[in-house]
Amino acid sequence: MNASSANVTVVLQYRDPFSKAVAKNLIVVVIGISINYINAGLIHTFCKHQYLLSQSATVSQPVGQDPVSEDGDQGSQAD
């Protein structure tokens, strides 16, 4: 085997400048806080409205459909 045909991987060490690294980390923190704020608002809204707590099956139902009753029927069907 020829020594010149060996696989050689060269790793270059590249580091962001301090100000760029701080900016990237600050962006990540701001996005994380924003997501947590939105989630907290959704949880607060869900817990504040008693209708959502008592009728939790309606949260996952598409608009216009009755929730599934306990015996498995799709609500009351008017004929």
C-alpha atoms as a PDB file:
ATOM      1  CA  MET A   1       0.000   0.000   0.000  1.00  0.00           C
ATOM      2  CA  ASN A   2       1.317   3.369  -0.967  1.00  0.00           C
ATOM      3  CA  ALA A   3       1.701   5.925   1.844  1.00  0.00           C
ATOM      4  CA  SER A   4       0.525   8.747  -0.393  1.00  0.00           C
ATOM      5  CA  SER A   5      -2.925   7.145  -0.795  1.00  0.00           C
ATOM      6  CA  ALA A   6      -3.792   7.233   2.924  1.00  0.00           C
ATOM      7  CA  ASN A   7      -6.951   9.059   3.962  1.00  0.00           C
ATOM      8  CA  VAL A   8      -6.019  12.225   5.775  1.00  0.00           C
ATOM      9  CA  THR A   9      -8.553  14.436   7.490  1.00  0.00           C
ATOM     10  CA  VAL A  10      -7.542  17.938   8.370  1.00  0.00           C
ATOM     11  CA  VAL A  11      -9.546  19.591  11.135  1.00  0.00           C
ATOM     12  CA  LEU A  12      -9.493  23.348  11.173  1.00  0.00           C
ATOM     13  CA  GLN A  13     -10.328  25.030  14.452  1.00  0.00           C
ATOM     14  CA  TYR A  14     -12.688  27.906  13.743  1.00  0.00           C
ATOM     15  CA  ARG A  15     -14.144  29.867  16.619  1.00  0.00           C
ATOM     16  CA  ASP A  16     -16.563  32.726  16.416  1.00  0.00           C
ATOM     17  CA  PRO A  17     -15.386  36.064  17.733  1.00  0.00           C
ATOM     18  CA  PHE A  18     -16.623  36.841  21.239  1.00  0.00           C
ATOM     19  CA  SER A  19     -19.216  39.394  20.122  1.00  0.00           C
ATOM     20  CA  LYS A  20     -20.678  37.028  17.510  1.00  0.00           C
ATOM     21  CA  ALA A  21     -20.869  34.175  20.037  1.00  0.00           C
ATOM     22  CA  VAL A  22     -22.657  36.441  22.540  1.00  0.00           C
ATOM     23  CA  ALA A  23     -25.094  37.572  19.851  1.00  0.00           C
ATOM     24  CA  LYS A  24     -25.919  33.970  18.859  1.00  0.00           C
ATOM     25  CA  ASN A  25     -26.445  32.927  22.464  1.00  0.00           C
ATOM     26  CA  LEU A  26     -28.591  35.998  23.132  1.00  0.00           C
ATOM     27  CA  ILE A  27     -30.798  35.151  20.148  1.00  0.00           C
ATOM     28  CA  VAL A  28     -31.262  31.590  21.417  1.00  0.00           C
ATOM     29  CA  VAL A  29     -32.161  32.837  24.904  1.00  0.00           C
ATOM     30  CA  VAL A  30     -34.662  35.396  23.555  1.00  0.00           C
ATOM     31  CA  ILE A  31     -36.334  32.761  21.363  1.00  0.00           C
ATOM     32  CA  GLY A  32     -36.502  30.346  24.331  1.00  0.00           C
ATOM     33  CA  ILE A  33     -38.067  32.973  26.592  1.00  0.00           C
ATOM     34  CA  SER A  34     -40.575  33.866  23.864  1.00  0.00           C
ATOM     35  CA  ILE A  35     -41.633  30.241  23.437  1.00  0.00           C
ATOM     36  CA  ASN A  36     -42.015  29.831  27.199  1.00  0.00           C
ATOM     37  CA  TYR A  37     -44.089  33.033  27.383  1.00  0.00           C
ATOM     38  CA  ILE A  38     -46.428  31.794  24.644  1.00  0.00           C
ATOM     39  CA  ASN A  39     -46.784  28.387  26.335  1.00  0.00           C
ATOM     40  CA  ALA A  40     -47.532  30.028  29.683  1.00  0.00           C
ATOM     41  CA  GLY A  41     -50.196  32.188  28.030  1.00  0.00           C
ATOM     42  CA  LEU A  42     -51.835  29.130  26.494  1.00  0.00           C
ATOM     43  CA  ILE A  43     -51.808  27.263  29.803  1.00  0.00           C
ATOM     44  CA  HIS A  44     -53.188  30.315  31.620  1.00  0.00           C
ATOM     45  CA  THR A  45     -56.005  30.661  29.078  1.00  0.00           C
ATOM     46  CA  PHE A  46     -56.811  26.947  29.250  1.00  0.00           C
ATOM     47  CA  CYS A  47     -56.950  26.956  33.068  1.00  0.00           C
ATOM     48  CA  LYS A  48     -58.880  30.248  33.273  1.00  0.00           C
ATOM     49  CA  HIS A  49     -61.861  29.068  31.234  1.00  0.00           C
ATOM     50  CA  GLN A  50     -63.966  26.499  33.071  1.00  0.00           C
ATOM     51  CA  TYR A  51     -65.589  25.378  29.821  1.00  0.00           C
ATOM     52  CA  LEU A  52     -62.264  24.005  28.578  1.00  0.00           C
ATOM     53  CA  LEU A  53     -61.706  22.164  31.855  1.00  0.00           C
ATOM     54  CA  SER A  54     -65.172  20.594  31.952  1.00  0.00           C
ATOM     55  CA  GLN A  55     -65.401  19.811  28.209  1.00  0.00           C
ATOM     56  CA  SER A  56     -61.818  18.841  27.446  1.00  0.00           C
ATOM     57  CA  ALA A  57     -62.934  16.482  24.663  1.00  0.00           C
ATOM     58  CA  THR A  58     -64.081  19.487  22.639  1.00  0.00           C
ATOM     59  CA  VAL A  59     -60.576  20.913  22.529  1.00  0.00           C
ATOM     60  CA  SER A  60     -59.460  18.222  20.077  1.00  0.00           C
ATOM     61  CA  GLN A  61     -62.700  18.147  18.043  1.00  0.00           C
ATOM     62  CA  PRO A  62     -62.895  19.986  14.720  1.00  0.00           C
ATOM     63  CA  VAL A  63     -65.298  22.922  14.598  1.00  0.00           C
ATOM     64  CA  GLY A  64     -68.896  21.882  13.982  1.00  0.00           C
ATOM     65  CA  GLN A  65     -68.673  18.352  15.388  1.00  0.00           C
ATOM     66  CA  ASP A  66     -70.272  17.234  18.624  1.00  0.00           C
ATOM     67  CA  PRO A  67     -67.998  15.588  21.183  1.00  0.00           C
ATOM     68  CA  VAL A  68     -68.211  11.813  21.501  1.00  0.00           C
ATOM     69  CA  SER A  69     -70.653  10.763  24.217  1.00  0.00           C
ATOM     70  CA  GLU A  70     -69.791   8.167  26.841  1.00  0.00           C
ATOM     71  CA  ASP A  71     -71.575   5.350  24.974  1.00  0.00           C
ATOM     72  CA  GLY A  72     -69.539   5.984  21.822  1.00  0.00           C
ATOM     73  CA  ASP A  73     -72.209   7.740  19.728  1.00  0.00           C
ATOM     74  CA  GLN A  74     -71.334  10.917  17.868  1.00  0.00           C
ATOM     75  CA  GLY A  75     -73.672  13.219  19.807  1.00  0.00           C
ATOM     76  CA  SER A  76     -77.384  13.466  19.126  1.00  0.00           C
ATOM     77  CA  GLN A  77     -78.396  13.071  15.498  1.00  0.00           C
ATOM     78  CA  ALA A  78     -81.531  15.050  14.598  1.00  0.00           C
ATOM     79  CA  ASP A  79     -83.528  13.325  11.863  1.00  0.00           C
END
